[in-house]
Amino acid sequence: QAQMAESGGDSVQAGGSLRLSCAASGFSISIYCMGWFRQAPGKEREGVARIDRDGIRTYADSVKGRFTISRDIAKNTLYLQMNSLQPADTAMYYCAALRPAYCSGSLVPFSNWGQGTQVTVSS
């Protein structure tokens, strides 16, 4: 079964950086659309960044130029480098494997959601 394990969240000051990790098991991240999501208190879960099976990356407008999604296929691990963090980035961050593999159209989760990792940005 597909499982995700997020880590790397922390509390930082505005302008700081974090790198989140997502260790996947039960499948290869190289053959799926992989995405990072976040959910803040009182808000719906939103997509942050995606990388398709060919390595093409897309980002939400709110994080473009600040976040970078990447993957290490050998380690079967997904990453999210987060720079210039803002208080609005405060949320629980999750990763997931999605279909279709090229991240097009409506996305359907393939993996189970992990426990998430908390990012808190203070001003």
PDB file of N, CA and C in Angstrom:
ATOM      1  N   GLN A   1       0.828  -1.176   0.000  1.00  0.00           N
ATOM      2  CA  GLN A   1       0.000   0.000   0.000  1.00  0.00           C
ATOM      3  C   GLN A   1       0.877   1.245   0.000  1.00  0.00           C
ATOM      4  N   ALA A   2       0.344   2.300  -0.582  1.00  0.00           N
ATOM      5  CA  ALA A   2       1.077   3.549  -0.685  1.00  0.00           C
ATOM      6  C   ALA A   2       0.999   4.314   0.634  1.00  0.00           C
ATOM      7  N   GLN A   3       2.161   4.685   1.139  1.00  0.00           N
ATOM      8  CA  GLN A   3       2.246   5.419   2.400  1.00  0.00           C
ATOM      9  C   GLN A   3       3.176   6.612   2.243  1.00  0.00           C
ATOM     10  N   MET A   4       2.884   7.684   2.978  1.00  0.00           N
ATOM     11  CA  MET A   4       3.685   8.891   2.963  1.00  0.00           C
ATOM     12  C   MET A   4       4.056   9.258   4.389  1.00  0.00           C
ATOM     13  N   ALA A   5       5.283   9.751   4.569  1.00  0.00           N
ATOM     14  CA  ALA A   5       5.752  10.176   5.877  1.00  0.00           C
ATOM     15  C   ALA A   5       6.434  11.529   5.747  1.00  0.00           C
ATOM     16  N   GLU A   6       5.735  12.580   6.156  1.00  0.00           N
ATOM     17  CA  GLU A   6       6.259  13.940   6.055  1.00  0.00           C
ATOM     18  C   GLU A   6       7.113  14.283   7.268  1.00  0.00           C
ATOM     19  N   SER A   7       8.121  15.121   7.052  1.00  0.00           N
ATOM     20  CA  SER A   7       8.967  15.587   8.137  1.00  0.00           C
ATOM     21  C   SER A   7       9.620  16.903   7.740  1.00  0.00           C
ATOM     22  N   GLY A   8      10.245  17.558   8.700  1.00  0.00           N
ATOM     23  CA  GLY A   8      10.993  18.772   8.435  1.00  0.00           C
ATOM     24  C   GLY A   8      10.312  20.058   8.852  1.00  0.00           C
ATOM     25  N   GLY A   9       9.060  19.993   9.266  1.00  0.00           N
ATOM     26  CA  GLY A   9       8.373  21.195   9.699  1.00  0.00           C
ATOM     27  C   GLY A   9       8.955  21.736  10.989  1.00  0.00           C
ATOM     28  N   ASP A  10       8.814  23.038  11.177  1.00  0.00           N
ATOM     29  CA  ASP A  10       9.373  23.695  12.348  1.00  0.00           C
ATOM     30  C   ASP A  10       8.723  25.062  12.493  1.00  0.00           C
ATOM     31  N   SER A  11       9.093  25.758  13.534  1.00  0.00           N
ATOM     32  CA  SER A  11       8.677  27.144  13.721  1.00  0.00           C
ATOM     33  C   SER A  11       9.846  28.050  13.357  1.00  0.00           C
ATOM     34  N   VAL A  12       9.593  29.020  12.497  1.00  0.00           N
ATOM     35  CA  VAL A  12      10.635  29.922  12.022  1.00  0.00           C
ATOM     36  C   VAL A  12      10.091  31.343  11.973  1.00  0.00           C
ATOM     37  N   GLN A  13      10.998  32.298  11.893  1.00  0.00           N
ATOM     38  CA  GLN A  13      10.611  33.685  11.727  1.00  0.00           C
ATOM     39  C   GLN A  13      10.390  33.998  10.254  1.00  0.00           C
ATOM     40  N   ALA A  14       9.587  35.001   9.998  1.00  0.00           N
ATOM     41  CA  ALA A  14       9.360  35.438   8.626  1.00  0.00           C
ATOM     42  C   ALA A  14      10.684  35.712   7.931  1.00  0.00           C
ATOM     43  N   GLY A  15      10.775  35.254   6.684  1.00  0.00           N
ATOM     44  CA  GLY A  15      11.999  35.389   5.922  1.00  0.00           C
ATOM     45  C   GLY A  15      12.905  34.183   6.006  1.00  0.00           C
ATOM     46  N   GLY A  16      12.605  33.264   6.897  1.00  0.00           N
ATOM     47  CA  GLY A  16      13.414  32.076   7.069  1.00  0.00           C
ATOM     48  C   GLY A  16      13.112  31.013   6.034  1.00  0.00           C
ATOM     49  N   SER A  17      13.830  29.891   6.152  1.00  0.00           N
ATOM     50  CA  SER A  17      13.709  28.796   5.195  1.00  0.00           C
ATOM     51  C   SER A  17      13.554  27.464   5.907  1.00  0.00           C
ATOM     52  N   LEU A  18      12.893  26.538   5.237  1.00  0.00           N
ATOM     53  CA  LEU A  18      12.754  25.171   5.695  1.00  0.00           C
ATOM     54  C   LEU A  18      12.782  24.249   4.494  1.00  0.00           C
ATOM     55  N   ARG A  19      13.191  23.019   4.713  1.00  0.00           N
ATOM     56  CA  ARG A  19      13.067  21.991   3.691  1.00  0.00           C
ATOM     57  C   ARG A  19      12.248  20.844   4.252  1.00  0.00           C
ATOM     58  N   LEU A  20      11.116  20.581   3.637  1.00  0.00           N
ATOM     59  CA  LEU A  20      10.262  19.488   4.028  1.00  0.00           C
ATOM     60  C   LEU A  20      10.618  18.240   3.233  1.00  0.00           C
ATOM     61  N   SER A  21      10.494  17.093   3.873  1.00  0.00           N
ATOM     62  CA  SER A  21      10.742  15.819   3.221  1.00  0.00           C
ATOM     63  C   SER A  21       9.504  14.950   3.288  1.00  0.00           C
ATOM     64  N   CYS A  22       9.351  14.110   2.291  1.00  0.00           N
ATOM     65  CA  CYS A  22       8.234  13.177   2.224  1.00  0.00           C
ATOM     66  C   CYS A  22       8.778  11.842   1.757  1.00  0.00           C
ATOM     67  N   ALA A  23       8.906  10.914   2.680  1.00  0.00           N
ATOM     68  CA  ALA A  23       9.389   9.580   2.354  1.00  0.00           C
ATOM     69  C   ALA A  23       8.218   8.709   1.944  1.00  0.00           C
ATOM     70  N   ALA A  24       8.270   8.207   0.733  1.00  0.00           N
ATOM     71  CA  ALA A  24       7.199   7.378   0.205  1.00  0.00           C
ATOM     72  C   ALA A  24       7.578   5.907   0.279  1.00  0.00           C
ATOM     73  N   SER A  25       6.591   5.074   0.477  1.00  0.00           N
ATOM     74  CA  SER A  25       6.809   3.637   0.490  1.00  0.00           C
ATOM     75  C   SER A  25       5.633   2.941  -0.177  1.00  0.00           C
ATOM     76  N   GLY A  26       5.893   1.764  -0.711  1.00  0.00           N
ATOM     77  CA  GLY A  26       4.853   0.993  -1.354  1.00  0.00           C
ATOM     78  C   GLY A  26       4.661   1.288  -2.826  1.00  0.00           C
ATOM     79  N   PHE A  27       5.383   2.250  -3.364  1.00  0.00           N
ATOM     80  CA  PHE A  27       5.294   2.628  -4.773  1.00  0.00           C
ATOM     81  C   PHE A  27       6.488   3.500  -5.108  1.00  0.00           C
ATOM     82  N   SER A  28       6.717   3.705  -6.390  1.00  0.00           N
ATOM     83  CA  SER A  28       7.796   4.578  -6.839  1.00  0.00           C
ATOM     84  C   SER A  28       7.241   5.954  -7.163  1.00  0.00           C
ATOM     85  N   ILE A  29       7.850   6.997  -6.599  1.00  0.00           N
ATOM     86  CA  ILE A  29       7.376   8.353  -6.861  1.00  0.00           C
ATOM     87  C   ILE A  29       7.650   8.783  -8.292  1.00  0.00           C
ATOM     88  N   SER A  30       8.466   8.047  -9.002  1.00  0.00           N
ATOM     89  CA  SER A  30       8.844   8.425 -10.355  1.00  0.00           C
ATOM     90  C   SER A  30       7.741   8.221 -11.379  1.00  0.00           C
ATOM     91  N   ILE A  31       6.699   7.488 -11.042  1.00  0.00           N
ATOM     92  CA  ILE A  31       5.658   7.171 -12.010  1.00  0.00           C
ATOM     93  C   ILE A  31       4.320   7.827 -11.673  1.00  0.00           C
ATOM     94  N   TYR A  32       4.325   8.769 -10.757  1.00  0.00           N
ATOM     95  CA  TYR A  32       3.105   9.466 -10.384  1.00  0.00           C
ATOM     96  C   TYR A  32       3.312  10.968 -10.363  1.00  0.00           C
ATOM     97  N   CYS A  33       2.220  11.687 -10.483  1.00  0.00           N
ATOM     98  CA  CYS A  33       2.220  13.085 -10.095  1.00  0.00           C
ATOM     99  C   CYS A  33       2.372  13.136  -8.576  1.00  0.00           C
ATOM    100  N   MET A  34       3.324  13.924  -8.103  1.00  0.00           N
ATOM    101  CA  MET A  34       3.541  14.076  -6.669  1.00  0.00           C
ATOM    102  C   MET A  34       3.250  15.515  -6.278  1.00  0.00           C
ATOM    103  N   GLY A  35       2.543  15.681  -5.182  1.00  0.00           N
ATOM    104  CA  GLY A  35       2.148  17.020  -4.796  1.00  0.00           C
ATOM    105  C   GLY A  35       2.314  17.298  -3.317  1.00  0.00           C
ATOM    106  N   TRP A  36       2.559  18.569  -3.012  1.00  0.00           N
ATOM    107  CA  TRP A  36       2.524  19.085  -1.656  1.00  0.00           C
ATOM    108  C   TRP A  36       1.254  19.899  -1.474  1.00  0.00           C
ATOM    109  N   PHE A  37       0.611  19.709  -0.341  1.00  0.00           N
ATOM    110  CA  PHE A  37      -0.606  20.413   0.016  1.00  0.00           C
ATOM    111  C   PHE A  37      -0.439  21.011   1.402  1.00  0.00           C
ATOM    112  N   ARG A  38      -1.268  21.973   1.718  1.00  0.00           N
ATOM    113  CA  ARG A  38      -1.245  22.531   3.061  1.00  0.00           C
ATOM    114  C   ARG A  38      -2.654  22.902   3.497  1.00  0.00           C
ATOM    115  N   GLN A  39      -2.843  22.895   4.798  1.00  0.00           N
ATOM    116  CA  GLN A  39      -4.128  23.270   5.361  1.00  0.00           C
ATOM    117  C   GLN A  39      -3.902  24.081   6.624  1.00  0.00           C
ATOM    118  N   ALA A  40      -4.395  25.294   6.616  1.00  0.00           N
ATOM    119  CA  ALA A  40      -4.319  26.175   7.770  1.00  0.00           C
ATOM    120  C   ALA A  40      -5.621  26.094   8.549  1.00  0.00           C
ATOM    121  N   PRO A  41      -5.594  26.430   9.833  1.00  0.00           N
ATOM    122  CA  PRO A  41      -6.824  26.393  10.629  1.00  0.00           C
ATOM    123  C   PRO A  41      -7.932  27.227  10.003  1.00  0.00           C
ATOM    124  N   GLY A  42      -9.113  26.635   9.888  1.00  0.00           N
ATOM    125  CA  GLY A  42     -10.255  27.333   9.328  1.00  0.00           C
ATOM    126  C   GLY A  42     -10.275  27.440   7.819  1.00  0.00           C
ATOM    127  N   LYS A  43      -9.308  26.838   7.146  1.00  0.00           N
ATOM    128  CA  LYS A  43      -9.241  26.908   5.698  1.00  0.00           C
ATOM    129  C   LYS A  43      -9.252  25.512   5.087  1.00  0.00           C
ATOM    130  N   GLU A  44      -9.611  25.454   3.812  1.00  0.00           N
ATOM    131  CA  GLU A  44      -9.588  24.192   3.090  1.00  0.00           C
ATOM    132  C   GLU A  44      -8.168  23.842   2.689  1.00  0.00           C
ATOM    133  N   ARG A  45      -7.939  22.559   2.459  1.00  0.00           N
ATOM    134  CA  ARG A  45      -6.652  22.121   1.963  1.00  0.00           C
ATOM    135  C   ARG A  45      -6.413  22.708   0.582  1.00  0.00           C
ATOM    136  N   GLU A  46      -5.206  23.188   0.335  1.00  0.00           N
ATOM    137  CA  GLU A  46      -4.870  23.755  -0.950  1.00  0.00           C
ATOM    138  C   GLU A  46      -3.593  23.135  -1.498  1.00  0.00           C
ATOM    139  N   GLY A  47      -3.538  23.019  -2.815  1.00  0.00           N
ATOM    140  CA  GLY A  47      -2.337  22.531  -3.458  1.00  0.00           C
ATOM    141  C   GLY A  47      -1.269  23.605  -3.469  1.00  0.00           C
ATOM    142  N   VAL A  48      -0.043  23.218  -3.191  1.00  0.00           N
ATOM    143  CA  VAL A  48       1.085  24.139  -3.131  1.00  0.00           C
ATOM    144  C   VAL A  48       2.008  23.966  -4.325  1.00  0.00           C
ATOM    145  N   ALA A  49       2.379  22.736  -4.613  1.00  0.00           N
ATOM    146  CA  ALA A  49       3.324  22.460  -5.685  1.00  0.00           C
ATOM    147  C   ALA A  49       3.132  21.043  -6.179  1.00  0.00           C
ATOM    148  N   ARG A  50       3.470  20.816  -7.451  1.00  0.00           N
ATOM    149  CA  ARG A  50       3.355  19.495  -8.060  1.00  0.00           C
ATOM    150  C   ARG A  50       4.557  19.235  -8.941  1.00  0.00           C
ATOM    151  N   ILE A  51       4.896  17.967  -9.075  1.00  0.00           N
ATOM    152  CA  ILE A  51       5.918  17.541 -10.015  1.00  0.00           C
ATOM    153  C   ILE A  51       5.416  16.272 -10.686  1.00  0.00           C
ATOM    154  N   ASP A  52       5.422  16.252 -12.024  1.00  0.00           N
ATOM    155  CA  ASP A  52       4.891  15.099 -12.722  1.00  0.00           C
ATOM    156  C   ASP A  52       5.967  14.053 -12.953  1.00  0.00           C
ATOM    157  N   ARG A  53       5.591  12.978 -13.611  1.00  0.00           N
ATOM    158  CA  ARG A  53       6.515  11.863 -13.760  1.00  0.00           C
ATOM    159  C   ARG A  53       7.727  12.208 -14.603  1.00  0.00           C
ATOM    160  N   ASP A  54       7.647  13.242 -15.425  1.00  0.00           N
ATOM    161  CA  ASP A  54       8.780  13.699 -16.222  1.00  0.00           C
ATOM    162  C   ASP A  54       9.592  14.790 -15.527  1.00  0.00           C
ATOM    163  N   GLY A  55       9.199  15.172 -14.326  1.00  0.00           N
ATOM    164  CA  GLY A  55       9.923  16.181 -13.580  1.00  0.00           C
ATOM    165  C   GLY A  55       9.466  17.607 -13.822  1.00  0.00           C
ATOM    166  N   ILE A  56       8.360  17.803 -14.518  1.00  0.00           N
ATOM    167  CA  ILE A  56       7.840  19.137 -14.771  1.00  0.00           C
ATOM    168  C   ILE A  56       7.131  19.648 -13.521  1.00  0.00           C
ATOM    169  N   ARG A  57       7.468  20.856 -13.106  1.00  0.00           N
ATOM    170  CA  ARG A  57       6.988  21.419 -11.849  1.00  0.00           C
ATOM    171  C   ARG A  57       5.970  22.527 -12.079  1.00  0.00           C
ATOM    172  N   THR A  58       4.987  22.585 -11.216  1.00  0.00           N
ATOM    173  CA  THR A  58       4.032  23.677 -11.208  1.00  0.00           C
ATOM    174  C   THR A  58       3.805  24.116  -9.770  1.00  0.00           C
ATOM    175  N   TYR A  59       3.425  25.392  -9.602  1.00  0.00           N
ATOM    176  CA  TYR A  59       3.281  25.968  -8.270  1.00  0.00           C
ATOM    177  C   TYR A  59       2.034  26.817  -8.172  1.00  0.00           C
ATOM    178  N   ALA A  60       1.510  26.888  -6.965  1.00  0.00           N
ATOM    179  CA  ALA A  60       0.463  27.850  -6.694  1.00  0.00           C
ATOM    180  C   ALA A  60       1.047  29.256  -6.799  1.00  0.00           C
ATOM    181  N   ASP A  61       0.231  30.205  -7.236  1.00  0.00           N
ATOM    182  CA  ASP A  61       0.712  31.576  -7.399  1.00  0.00           C
ATOM    183  C   ASP A  61       1.286  32.144  -6.102  1.00  0.00           C
ATOM    184  N   SER A  62       0.730  31.732  -4.984  1.00  0.00           N
ATOM    185  CA  SER A  62       1.141  32.281  -3.705  1.00  0.00           C
ATOM    186  C   SER A  62       2.560  31.888  -3.301  1.00  0.00           C
ATOM    187  N   VAL A  63       3.119  30.840  -3.920  1.00  0.00           N
ATOM    188  CA  VAL A  63       4.442  30.375  -3.526  1.00  0.00           C
ATOM    189  C   VAL A  63       5.463  30.434  -4.656  1.00  0.00           C
ATOM    190  N   LYS A  64       5.057  30.843  -5.842  1.00  0.00           N
ATOM    191  CA  LYS A  64       5.990  30.925  -6.963  1.00  0.00           C
ATOM    192  C   LYS A  64       7.155  31.847  -6.632  1.00  0.00           C
ATOM    193  N   GLY A  65       8.345  31.376  -6.959  1.00  0.00           N
ATOM    194  CA  GLY A  65       9.543  32.148  -6.687  1.00  0.00           C
ATOM    195  C   GLY A  65      10.099  31.956  -5.305  1.00  0.00           C
ATOM    196  N   ARG A  66       9.347  31.290  -4.429  1.00  0.00           N
ATOM    197  CA  ARG A  66       9.796  31.074  -3.058  1.00  0.00           C
ATOM    198  C   ARG A  66       9.980  29.599  -2.726  1.00  0.00           C
ATOM    199  N   PHE A  67       9.123  28.743  -3.274  1.00  0.00           N
ATOM    200  CA  PHE A  67       9.170  27.310  -2.988  1.00  0.00           C
ATOM    201  C   PHE A  67       9.686  26.549  -4.200  1.00  0.00           C
ATOM    202  N   THR A  68      10.361  25.440  -3.942  1.00  0.00           N
ATOM    203  CA  THR A  68      10.830  24.564  -4.999  1.00  0.00           C
ATOM    204  C   THR A  68      10.535  23.118  -4.632  1.00  0.00           C
ATOM    205  N   ILE A  69       9.815  22.421  -5.498  1.00  0.00           N
ATOM    206  CA  ILE A  69       9.550  21.009  -5.288  1.00  0.00           C
ATOM    207  C   ILE A  69      10.604  20.201  -6.042  1.00  0.00           C
ATOM    208  N   SER A  70      11.065  19.132  -5.433  1.00  0.00           N
ATOM    209  CA  SER A  70      12.058  18.280  -6.068  1.00  0.00           C
ATOM    210  C   SER A  70      11.882  16.858  -5.559  1.00  0.00           C
ATOM    211  N   ARG A  71      12.603  15.948  -6.170  1.00  0.00           N
ATOM    212  CA  ARG A  71      12.512  14.551  -5.765  1.00  0.00           C
ATOM    213  C   ARG A  71      13.853  13.867  -5.911  1.00  0.00           C
ATOM    214  N   ASP A  72      14.069  12.872  -5.075  1.00  0.00           N
ATOM    215  CA  ASP A  72      15.221  11.991  -5.165  1.00  0.00           C
ATOM    216  C   ASP A  72      14.653  10.606  -5.416  1.00  0.00           C
ATOM    217  N   ILE A  73      14.688  10.191  -6.663  1.00  0.00           N
ATOM    218  CA  ILE A  73      14.066   8.922  -7.030  1.00  0.00           C
ATOM    219  C   ILE A  73      14.769   7.751  -6.358  1.00  0.00           C
ATOM    220  N   ALA A  74      16.090   7.818  -6.240  1.00  0.00           N
ATOM    221  CA  ALA A  74      16.839   6.742  -5.601  1.00  0.00           C
ATOM    222  C   ALA A  74      16.399   6.539  -4.156  1.00  0.00           C
ATOM    223  N   LYS A  75      16.076   7.636  -3.471  1.00  0.00           N
ATOM    224  CA  LYS A  75      15.621   7.562  -2.090  1.00  0.00           C
ATOM    225  C   LYS A  75      14.105   7.488  -1.978  1.00  0.00           C
ATOM    226  N   ASN A  76      13.415   7.584  -3.114  1.00  0.00           N
ATOM    227  CA  ASN A  76      11.958   7.575  -3.139  1.00  0.00           C
ATOM    228  C   ASN A  76      11.386   8.639  -2.201  1.00  0.00           C
ATOM    229  N   THR A  77      11.989   9.820  -2.261  1.00  0.00           N
ATOM    230  CA  THR A  77      11.646  10.899  -1.348  1.00  0.00           C
ATOM    231  C   THR A  77      11.356  12.180  -2.114  1.00  0.00           C
ATOM    232  N   LEU A  78      10.318  12.858  -1.707  1.00  0.00           N
ATOM    233  CA  LEU A  78       9.913  14.141  -2.265  1.00  0.00           C
ATOM    234  C   LEU A  78      10.309  15.257  -1.298  1.00  0.00           C
ATOM    235  N   TYR A  79      10.683  16.416  -1.833  1.00  0.00           N
ATOM    236  CA  TYR A  79      11.108  17.542  -1.010  1.00  0.00           C
ATOM    237  C   TYR A  79      10.354  18.805  -1.383  1.00  0.00           C
ATOM    238  N   LEU A  80      10.289  19.706  -0.439  1.00  0.00           N
ATOM    239  CA  LEU A  80       9.780  21.045  -0.696  1.00  0.00           C
ATOM    240  C   LEU A  80      10.704  22.037  -0.007  1.00  0.00           C
ATOM    241  N   GLN A  81      11.498  22.747  -0.796  1.00  0.00           N
ATOM    242  CA  GLN A  81      12.348  23.803  -0.271  1.00  0.00           C
ATOM    243  C   GLN A  81      11.526  25.074  -0.170  1.00  0.00           C
ATOM    244  N   MET A  82      11.463  25.641   1.014  1.00  0.00           N
ATOM    245  CA  MET A  82      10.621  26.791   1.286  1.00  0.00           C
ATOM    246  C   MET A  82      11.504  27.946   1.729  1.00  0.00           C
ATOM    247  N   ASN A  83      11.571  28.988   0.925  1.00  0.00           N
ATOM    248  CA  ASN A  83      12.359  30.172   1.229  1.00  0.00           C
ATOM    249  C   ASN A  83      11.448  31.376   1.399  1.00  0.00           C
ATOM    250  N   SER A  84      11.997  32.415   2.012  1.00  0.00           N
ATOM    251  CA  SER A  84      11.255  33.661   2.224  1.00  0.00           C
ATOM    252  C   SER A  84       9.879  33.395   2.821  1.00  0.00           C
ATOM    253  N   LEU A  85       9.858  32.598   3.855  1.00  0.00           N
ATOM    254  CA  LEU A  85       8.592  32.197   4.456  1.00  0.00           C
ATOM    255  C   LEU A  85       7.848  33.389   5.051  1.00  0.00           C
ATOM    256  N   GLN A  86       6.540  33.335   4.935  1.00  0.00           N
ATOM    257  CA  GLN A  86       5.647  34.370   5.417  1.00  0.00           C
ATOM    258  C   GLN A  86       4.683  33.769   6.437  1.00  0.00           C
ATOM    259  N   PRO A  87       4.120  34.593   7.326  1.00  0.00           N
ATOM    260  CA  PRO A  87       3.116  34.063   8.256  1.00  0.00           C
ATOM    261  C   PRO A  87       1.967  33.349   7.555  1.00  0.00           C
ATOM    262  N   ALA A  88       1.604  33.783   6.347  1.00  0.00           N
ATOM    263  CA  ALA A  88       0.529  33.140   5.597  1.00  0.00           C
ATOM    264  C   ALA A  88       0.871  31.716   5.181  1.00  0.00           C
ATOM    265  N   ASP A  89       2.140  31.332   5.261  1.00  0.00           N
ATOM    266  CA  ASP A  89       2.542  29.970   4.945  1.00  0.00           C
ATOM    267  C   ASP A  89       2.313  29.016   6.109  1.00  0.00           C
ATOM    268  N   THR A  90       1.926  29.529   7.246  1.00  0.00           N
ATOM    269  CA  THR A  90       1.679  28.687   8.413  1.00  0.00           C
ATOM    270  C   THR A  90       0.551  27.707   8.121  1.00  0.00           C
ATOM    271  N   ALA A  91       0.842  26.422   8.257  1.00  0.00           N
ATOM    272  CA  ALA A  91      -0.134  25.387   7.935  1.00  0.00           C
ATOM    273  C   ALA A  91       0.460  24.025   8.253  1.00  0.00           C
ATOM    274  N   MET A  92      -0.394  23.016   8.212  1.00  0.00           N
ATOM    275  CA  MET A  92       0.060  21.644   8.210  1.00  0.00           C
ATOM    276  C   MET A  92       0.294  21.253   6.756  1.00  0.00           C
ATOM    277  N   TYR A  93       1.470  20.722   6.470  1.00  0.00           N
ATOM    278  CA  TYR A  93       1.837  20.367   5.112  1.00  0.00           C
ATOM    279  C   TYR A  93       1.790  18.862   4.914  1.00  0.00           C
ATOM    280  N   TYR A  94       1.213  18.457   3.794  1.00  0.00           N
ATOM    281  CA  TYR A  94       1.047  17.054   3.449  1.00  0.00           C
ATOM    282  C   TYR A  94       1.580  16.804   2.049  1.00  0.00           C
ATOM    283  N   CYS A  95       1.981  15.575   1.791  1.00  0.00           N
ATOM    284  CA  CYS A  95       2.333  15.173   0.445  1.00  0.00           C
ATOM    285  C   CYS A  95       1.441  14.015   0.021  1.00  0.00           C
ATOM    286  N   ALA A  96       1.325  13.824  -1.282  1.00  0.00           N
ATOM    287  CA  ALA A  96       0.492  12.757  -1.804  1.00  0.00           C
ATOM    288  C   ALA A  96       0.914  12.396  -3.210  1.00  0.00           C
ATOM    289  N   ALA A  97       0.691  11.143  -3.565  1.00  0.00           N
ATOM    290  CA  ALA A  97       0.808  10.696  -4.945  1.00  0.00           C
ATOM    291  C   ALA A  97      -0.552  10.843  -5.603  1.00  0.00           C
ATOM    292  N   LEU A  98      -0.558  11.327  -6.820  1.00  0.00           N
ATOM    293  CA  LEU A  98      -1.793  11.678  -7.495  1.00  0.00           C
ATOM    294  C   LEU A  98      -1.849  11.086  -8.893  1.00  0.00           C
ATOM    295  N   ARG A  99      -3.032  10.907  -9.382  1.00  0.00           N
ATOM    296  CA  ARG A  99      -3.284  10.550 -10.770  1.00  0.00           C
ATOM    297  C   ARG A  99      -4.091  11.660 -11.412  1.00  0.00           C
ATOM    298  N   PRO A 100      -3.877  11.897 -12.710  1.00  0.00           N
ATOM    299  CA  PRO A 100      -2.966  11.217 -13.633  1.00  0.00           C
ATOM    300  C   PRO A 100      -1.502  11.578 -13.398  1.00  0.00           C
ATOM    301  N   ALA A 101      -0.611  10.796 -13.983  1.00  0.00           N
ATOM    302  CA  ALA A 101       0.812  10.921 -13.734  1.00  0.00           C
ATOM    303  C   ALA A 101       1.400  12.236 -14.220  1.00  0.00           C
ATOM    304  N   TYR A 102       0.741  12.895 -15.186  1.00  0.00           N
ATOM    305  CA  TYR A 102       1.262  14.154 -15.716  1.00  0.00           C
ATOM    306  C   TYR A 102       0.611  15.373 -15.077  1.00  0.00           C
ATOM    307  N   CYS A 103      -0.068  15.174 -13.963  1.00  0.00           N
ATOM    308  CA  CYS A 103      -0.623  16.263 -13.151  1.00  0.00           C
ATOM    309  C   CYS A 103      -1.614  17.127 -13.916  1.00  0.00           C
ATOM    310  N   SER A 104      -2.320  16.565 -14.850  1.00  0.00           N
ATOM    311  CA  SER A 104      -3.254  17.318 -15.675  1.00  0.00           C
ATOM    312  C   SER A 104      -4.691  17.058 -15.243  1.00  0.00           C
ATOM    313  N   GLY A 105      -5.529  18.068 -15.387  1.00  0.00           N
ATOM    314  CA  GLY A 105      -6.943  17.929 -15.086  1.00  0.00           C
ATOM    315  C   GLY A 105      -7.215  17.733 -13.610  1.00  0.00           C
ATOM    316  N   SER A 106      -8.307  17.069 -13.314  1.00  0.00           N
ATOM    317  CA  SER A 106      -8.681  16.793 -11.939  1.00  0.00           C
ATOM    318  C   SER A 106      -7.787  15.701 -11.367  1.00  0.00           C
ATOM    319  N   LEU A 107      -7.212  15.984 -10.207  1.00  0.00           N
ATOM    320  CA  LEU A 107      -6.266  15.067  -9.595  1.00  0.00           C
ATOM    321  C   LEU A 107      -6.954  14.212  -8.540  1.00  0.00           C
ATOM    322  N   VAL A 108      -6.607  12.949  -8.549  1.00  0.00           N
ATOM    323  CA  VAL A 108      -7.179  11.987  -7.626  1.00  0.00           C
ATOM    324  C   VAL A 108      -6.054  11.384  -6.787  1.00  0.00           C
ATOM    325  N   PRO A 109      -6.161  11.424  -5.467  1.00  0.00           N
ATOM    326  CA  PRO A 109      -5.107  10.840  -4.637  1.00  0.00           C
ATOM    327  C   PRO A 109      -4.959   9.351  -4.873  1.00  0.00           C
ATOM    328  N   PHE A 110      -3.726   8.919  -4.969  1.00  0.00           N
ATOM    329  CA  PHE A 110      -3.404   7.506  -5.063  1.00  0.00           C
ATOM    330  C   PHE A 110      -2.948   6.972  -3.714  1.00  0.00           C
ATOM    331  N   SER A 111      -2.126   7.725  -3.028  1.00  0.00           N
ATOM    332  CA  SER A 111      -1.608   7.314  -1.739  1.00  0.00           C
ATOM    333  C   SER A 111      -2.539   7.738  -0.611  1.00  0.00           C
ATOM    334  N   ASN A 112      -2.352   7.121   0.531  1.00  0.00           N
ATOM    335  CA  ASN A 112      -2.990   7.611   1.739  1.00  0.00           C
ATOM    336  C   ASN A 112      -2.278   8.883   2.198  1.00  0.00           C
ATOM    337  N   TRP A 113      -3.006   9.760   2.854  1.00  0.00           N
ATOM    338  CA  TRP A 113      -2.383  10.951   3.419  1.00  0.00           C
ATOM    339  C   TRP A 113      -1.506  10.567   4.599  1.00  0.00           C
ATOM    340  N   GLY A 114      -0.363  11.218   4.702  1.00  0.00           N
ATOM    341  CA  GLY A 114       0.494  11.014   5.855  1.00  0.00           C
ATOM    342  C   GLY A 114      -0.006  11.817   7.039  1.00  0.00           C
ATOM    343  N   GLN A 115       0.805  11.857   8.078  1.00  0.00           N
ATOM    344  CA  GLN A 115       0.416  12.577   9.284  1.00  0.00           C
ATOM    345  C   GLN A 115       0.597  14.082   9.146  1.00  0.00           C
ATOM    346  N   GLY A 116       1.328  14.502   8.137  1.00  0.00           N
ATOM    347  CA  GLY A 116       1.608  15.911   7.930  1.00  0.00           C
ATOM    348  C   GLY A 116       2.753  16.403   8.793  1.00  0.00           C
ATOM    349  N   THR A 117       3.257  17.587   8.458  1.00  0.00           N
ATOM    350  CA  THR A 117       4.296  18.216   9.256  1.00  0.00           C
ATOM    351  C   THR A 117       3.958  19.696   9.390  1.00  0.00           C
ATOM    352  N   GLN A 118       4.044  20.204  10.599  1.00  0.00           N
ATOM    353  CA  GLN A 118       3.585  21.553  10.902  1.00  0.00           C
ATOM    354  C   GLN A 118       4.659  22.587  10.598  1.00  0.00           C
ATOM    355  N   VAL A 119       4.263  23.617   9.869  1.00  0.00           N
ATOM    356  CA  VAL A 119       5.113  24.771   9.604  1.00  0.00           C
ATOM    357  C   VAL A 119       4.454  25.989  10.237  1.00  0.00           C
ATOM    358  N   THR A 120       5.184  26.668  11.090  1.00  0.00           N
ATOM    359  CA  THR A 120       4.683  27.863  11.741  1.00  0.00           C
ATOM    360  C   THR A 120       5.657  29.003  11.500  1.00  0.00           C
ATOM    361  N   VAL A 121       5.160  30.085  10.929  1.00  0.00           N
ATOM    362  CA  VAL A 121       5.988  31.238  10.591  1.00  0.00           C
ATOM    363  C   VAL A 121       5.498  32.432  11.397  1.00  0.00           C
ATOM    364  N   SER A 122       6.366  32.990  12.189  1.00  0.00           N
ATOM    365  CA  SER A 122       6.015  34.128  13.023  1.00  0.00           C
ATOM    366  C   SER A 122       6.608  35.405  12.453  1.00  0.00           C
ATOM    367  N   SER A 123       5.951  36.515  12.723  1.00  0.00           N
ATOM    368  CA  SER A 123       6.426  37.810  12.268  1.00  0.00           C
ATOM    369  C   SER A 123       7.240  38.517  13.319  1.00  0.00           C
TER     370      SER A 123
END
